[in-house]
């Protein structure tokens, strides 16, 4: 089985950001966590910002899958319950916590702010379209 070094890097980045925060995570620490060389990381990514962009994209995909699986019918009315505290599993909370940790950097870094804003709009549009598909009587408001 061939190891996907890019995915290995993203997994290590997620762990580092959750442990130390975005600002305190270095590419060297990511390499150490992934048990690969820093140079190998730069074969797949141009730098930390590109790693974060790919990581956010992965998180958005995971949350979209959670939204897609969220077909709860309560009182014969479809509801999106992904963000209801008693319904969210640990994986979704981890994804949300990771996005918040990365979002904290957006006040200092315009590129990260753009990445987070795009992720938010993508998730919002996906959630709204999924809800509309579940509830044909839903209004845009």
C-alpha atoms as a PDB file:
ATOM      1  CA  UNK A   1       0.000   0.000   0.000  1.00  0.00           C
ATOM      2  CA  UNK A   2       1.414   3.354  -1.055  1.00  0.00           C
ATOM      3  CA  UNK A   3       1.349   6.073   1.582  1.00  0.00           C
ATOM      4  CA  UNK A   4      -0.252   9.310   0.448  1.00  0.00           C
ATOM      5  CA  UNK A   5       2.238  11.864   1.784  1.00  0.00           C
ATOM      6  CA  UNK A   6      -0.071  14.815   1.173  1.00  0.00           C
ATOM      7  CA  UNK A   7      -2.816  13.188   3.274  1.00  0.00           C
ATOM      8  CA  UNK A   8      -0.233  12.250   5.889  1.00  0.00           C
ATOM      9  CA  UNK A   9       0.838  15.908   6.021  1.00  0.00           C
ATOM     10  CA  UNK A  10      -2.753  17.114   6.365  1.00  0.00           C
ATOM     11  CA  UNK A  11      -3.462  14.650   9.170  1.00  0.00           C
ATOM     12  CA  UNK A  12      -0.342  15.797  11.014  1.00  0.00           C
ATOM     13  CA  UNK A  13      -1.283  19.445  10.452  1.00  0.00           C
ATOM     14  CA  UNK A  14      -4.715  18.840  11.939  1.00  0.00           C
ATOM     15  CA  UNK A  15      -3.171  17.298  15.047  1.00  0.00           C
ATOM     16  CA  UNK A  16      -0.627  20.100  15.429  1.00  0.00           C
ATOM     17  CA  UNK A  17      -3.198  22.878  14.998  1.00  0.00           C
ATOM     18  CA  UNK A  18      -5.517  21.241  17.519  1.00  0.00           C
ATOM     19  CA  UNK A  19      -2.677  20.868  20.028  1.00  0.00           C
ATOM     20  CA  UNK A  20      -0.838  24.160  19.561  1.00  0.00           C
ATOM     21  CA  UNK A  21      -3.098  26.438  17.525  1.00  0.00           C
ATOM     22  CA  UNK A  22      -2.507  27.677  13.998  1.00  0.00           C
ATOM     23  CA  UNK A  23      -0.064  30.453  14.828  1.00  0.00           C
ATOM     24  CA  UNK A  24       2.195  28.234  16.957  1.00  0.00           C
ATOM     25  CA  UNK A  25       2.343  25.386  14.438  1.00  0.00           C
ATOM     26  CA  UNK A  26       5.388  25.339  12.165  1.00  0.00           C
ATOM     27  CA  UNK A  27       6.050  23.322   9.026  1.00  0.00           C
ATOM     28  CA  UNK A  28       8.923  21.670  10.892  1.00  0.00           C
ATOM     29  CA  UNK A  29       6.515  20.511  13.622  1.00  0.00           C
ATOM     30  CA  UNK A  30       4.109  19.219  10.994  1.00  0.00           C
ATOM     31  CA  UNK A  31       6.946  17.255   9.386  1.00  0.00           C
ATOM     32  CA  UNK A  32       7.941  15.833  12.764  1.00  0.00           C
ATOM     33  CA  UNK A  33       4.352  14.826  13.577  1.00  0.00           C
ATOM     34  CA  UNK A  34       4.014  13.219  10.122  1.00  0.00           C
ATOM     35  CA  UNK A  35       7.401  11.494  10.506  1.00  0.00           C
ATOM     36  CA  UNK A  36       8.585  12.883   7.168  1.00  0.00           C
ATOM     37  CA  UNK A  37      11.146  15.484   6.159  1.00  0.00           C
ATOM     38  CA  UNK A  38      10.293  19.149   5.784  1.00  0.00           C
ATOM     39  CA  UNK A  39      11.591  18.966   2.215  1.00  0.00           C
ATOM     40  CA  UNK A  40       9.075  16.258   1.394  1.00  0.00           C
ATOM     41  CA  UNK A  41       6.242  18.503   2.572  1.00  0.00           C
ATOM     42  CA  UNK A  42       7.440  21.174   0.142  1.00  0.00           C
ATOM     43  CA  UNK A  43       7.152  18.656  -2.714  1.00  0.00           C
ATOM     44  CA  UNK A  44       3.381  18.659  -2.115  1.00  0.00           C
ATOM     45  CA  UNK A  45       2.705  22.137  -0.726  1.00  0.00           C
ATOM     46  CA  UNK A  46       4.315  25.538  -1.283  1.00  0.00           C
ATOM     47  CA  UNK A  47       4.011  26.443   2.390  1.00  0.00           C
ATOM     48  CA  UNK A  48       1.879  26.505   5.497  1.00  0.00           C
ATOM     49  CA  UNK A  49      -0.857  28.595   3.884  1.00  0.00           C
ATOM     50  CA  UNK A  50      -1.370  26.042   1.111  1.00  0.00           C
ATOM     51  CA  UNK A  51      -1.382  23.217   3.670  1.00  0.00           C
ATOM     52  CA  UNK A  52      -4.088  25.054   5.620  1.00  0.00           C
ATOM     53  CA  UNK A  53      -6.129  25.662   2.457  1.00  0.00           C
ATOM     54  CA  UNK A  54      -6.064  21.928   1.675  1.00  0.00           C
ATOM     55  CA  UNK A  55      -6.904  21.083   5.287  1.00  0.00           C
ATOM     56  CA  UNK A  56      -9.884  23.461   5.302  1.00  0.00           C
ATOM     57  CA  UNK A  57     -11.054  21.926   2.029  1.00  0.00           C
ATOM     58  CA  UNK A  58     -10.940  18.473   3.665  1.00  0.00           C
ATOM     59  CA  UNK A  59     -12.885  19.737   6.680  1.00  0.00           C
ATOM     60  CA  UNK A  60     -15.521  21.295   4.408  1.00  0.00           C
ATOM     61  CA  UNK A  61     -15.886  17.957   2.602  1.00  0.00           C
ATOM     62  CA  UNK A  62     -16.271  16.104   5.925  1.00  0.00           C
ATOM     63  CA  UNK A  63     -18.917  18.554   7.123  1.00  0.00           C
ATOM     64  CA  UNK A  64     -20.754  18.329   3.791  1.00  0.00           C
ATOM     65  CA  UNK A  65     -20.876  14.553   4.227  1.00  0.00           C
ATOM     66  CA  UNK A  66     -22.320  15.073   7.715  1.00  0.00           C
ATOM     67  CA  UNK A  67     -24.922  17.463   6.317  1.00  0.00           C
ATOM     68  CA  UNK A  68     -25.783  14.987   3.542  1.00  0.00           C
ATOM     69  CA  UNK A  69     -26.305  12.234   6.111  1.00  0.00           C
ATOM     70  CA  UNK A  70     -28.450  14.561   8.240  1.00  0.00           C
ATOM     71  CA  UNK A  71     -31.932  13.505   7.163  1.00  0.00           C
ATOM     72  CA  UNK A  72     -33.687  13.673  10.501  1.00  0.00           C
ATOM     73  CA  UNK A  73     -37.453  13.803  10.426  1.00  0.00           C
ATOM     74  CA  UNK A  74     -39.010  15.232  13.560  1.00  0.00           C
ATOM     75  CA  UNK A  75     -42.776  15.731  13.755  1.00  0.00           C
ATOM     76  CA  UNK A  76     -42.992  14.793  10.046  1.00  0.00           C
ATOM     77  CA  UNK A  77     -40.854  17.824   9.239  1.00  0.00           C
ATOM     78  CA  UNK A  78     -37.269  17.539   7.979  1.00  0.00           C
ATOM     79  CA  UNK A  79     -34.698  19.367  10.084  1.00  0.00           C
ATOM     80  CA  UNK A  80     -30.955  19.805   9.858  1.00  0.00           C
ATOM     81  CA  UNK A  81     -29.628  18.713  13.217  1.00  0.00           C
ATOM     82  CA  UNK A  82     -25.884  18.692  12.535  1.00  0.00           C
ATOM     83  CA  UNK A  83     -25.280  21.632  14.840  1.00  0.00           C
ATOM     84  CA  UNK A  84     -27.761  20.671  17.549  1.00  0.00           C
ATOM     85  CA  UNK A  85     -25.589  20.057  20.617  1.00  0.00           C
ATOM     86  CA  UNK A  86     -27.140  16.731  21.573  1.00  0.00           C
ATOM     87  CA  UNK A  87     -26.927  15.323  18.022  1.00  0.00           C
ATOM     88  CA  UNK A  88     -23.341  16.138  16.999  1.00  0.00           C
ATOM     89  CA  UNK A  89     -20.771  13.359  17.116  1.00  0.00           C
ATOM     90  CA  UNK A  90     -17.170  13.876  18.154  1.00  0.00           C
ATOM     91  CA  UNK A  91     -15.884  13.924  14.569  1.00  0.00           C
ATOM     92  CA  UNK A  92     -18.131  16.860  13.670  1.00  0.00           C
ATOM     93  CA  UNK A  93     -17.132  18.723  16.850  1.00  0.00           C
ATOM     94  CA  UNK A  94     -13.466  18.138  16.028  1.00  0.00           C
ATOM     95  CA  UNK A  95     -14.005  19.541  12.543  1.00  0.00           C
ATOM     96  CA  UNK A  96     -15.780  22.588  13.926  1.00  0.00           C
ATOM     97  CA  UNK A  97     -13.080  23.117  16.572  1.00  0.00           C
ATOM     98  CA  UNK A  98     -10.386  22.894  13.895  1.00  0.00           C
ATOM     99  CA  UNK A  99     -12.154  25.514  11.779  1.00  0.00           C
ATOM    100  CA  UNK A 100     -12.356  27.797  14.805  1.00  0.00           C
ATOM    101  CA  UNK A 101      -8.645  27.339  15.535  1.00  0.00           C
ATOM    102  CA  UNK A 102      -7.799  28.261  11.955  1.00  0.00           C
ATOM    103  CA  UNK A 103     -10.319  31.128  11.981  1.00  0.00           C
ATOM    104  CA  UNK A 104      -8.450  32.727  14.867  1.00  0.00           C
ATOM    105  CA  UNK A 105      -5.579  33.391  12.460  1.00  0.00           C
ATOM    106  CA  UNK A 106      -7.821  35.127   9.925  1.00  0.00           C
ATOM    107  CA  UNK A 107      -7.666  38.436  11.791  1.00  0.00           C
ATOM    108  CA  UNK A 108      -3.893  38.498  11.165  1.00  0.00           C
ATOM    109  CA  UNK A 109      -3.750  36.867   7.753  1.00  0.00           C
ATOM    110  CA  UNK A 110      -5.884  38.007   4.826  1.00  0.00           C
ATOM    111  CA  UNK A 111      -5.245  34.826   2.855  1.00  0.00           C
ATOM    112  CA  UNK A 112      -6.502  32.671   5.731  1.00  0.00           C
ATOM    113  CA  UNK A 113      -9.486  35.011   6.096  1.00  0.00           C
ATOM    114  CA  UNK A 114     -10.327  34.402   2.431  1.00  0.00           C
ATOM    115  CA  UNK A 115      -9.980  30.615   2.879  1.00  0.00           C
ATOM    116  CA  UNK A 116     -12.274  30.623   5.925  1.00  0.00           C
ATOM    117  CA  UNK A 117     -14.836  32.953   4.301  1.00  0.00           C
ATOM    118  CA  UNK A 118     -14.983  30.730   1.233  1.00  0.00           C
ATOM    119  CA  UNK A 119     -15.379  27.621   3.419  1.00  0.00           C
ATOM    120  CA  UNK A 120     -18.199  29.278   5.378  1.00  0.00           C
ATOM    121  CA  UNK A 121     -20.083  30.255   2.217  1.00  0.00           C
ATOM    122  CA  UNK A 122     -19.591  26.800   0.711  1.00  0.00           C
ATOM    123  CA  UNK A 123     -20.972  25.086   3.824  1.00  0.00           C
ATOM    124  CA  UNK A 124     -23.824  27.568   4.153  1.00  0.00           C
ATOM    125  CA  UNK A 125     -24.890  27.091   0.517  1.00  0.00           C
ATOM    126  CA  UNK A 126     -24.604  23.322   0.846  1.00  0.00           C
ATOM    127  CA  UNK A 127     -26.666  23.235   4.050  1.00  0.00           C
ATOM    128  CA  UNK A 128     -29.365  25.478   2.570  1.00  0.00           C
ATOM    129  CA  UNK A 129     -29.625  23.450  -0.633  1.00  0.00           C
ATOM    130  CA  UNK A 130     -29.760  20.205   1.363  1.00  0.00           C
ATOM    131  CA  UNK A 131     -32.494  21.613   3.591  1.00  0.00           C
ATOM    132  CA  UNK A 132     -34.454  22.794   0.543  1.00  0.00           C
ATOM    133  CA  UNK A 133     -34.181  19.303  -0.954  1.00  0.00           C
ATOM    134  CA  UNK A 134     -35.565  17.829   2.269  1.00  0.00           C
ATOM    135  CA  UNK A 135     -38.286  20.418   2.664  1.00  0.00           C
ATOM    136  CA  UNK A 136     -39.771  21.529  -0.641  1.00  0.00           C
ATOM    137  CA  UNK A 137     -41.994  24.024   1.208  1.00  0.00           C
ATOM    138  CA  UNK A 138     -39.000  25.898   2.653  1.00  0.00           C
ATOM    139  CA  UNK A 139     -38.675  29.568   1.767  1.00  0.00           C
ATOM    140  CA  UNK A 140     -35.329  31.200   1.070  1.00  0.00           C
ATOM    141  CA  UNK A 141     -35.827  33.547   4.012  1.00  0.00           C
END
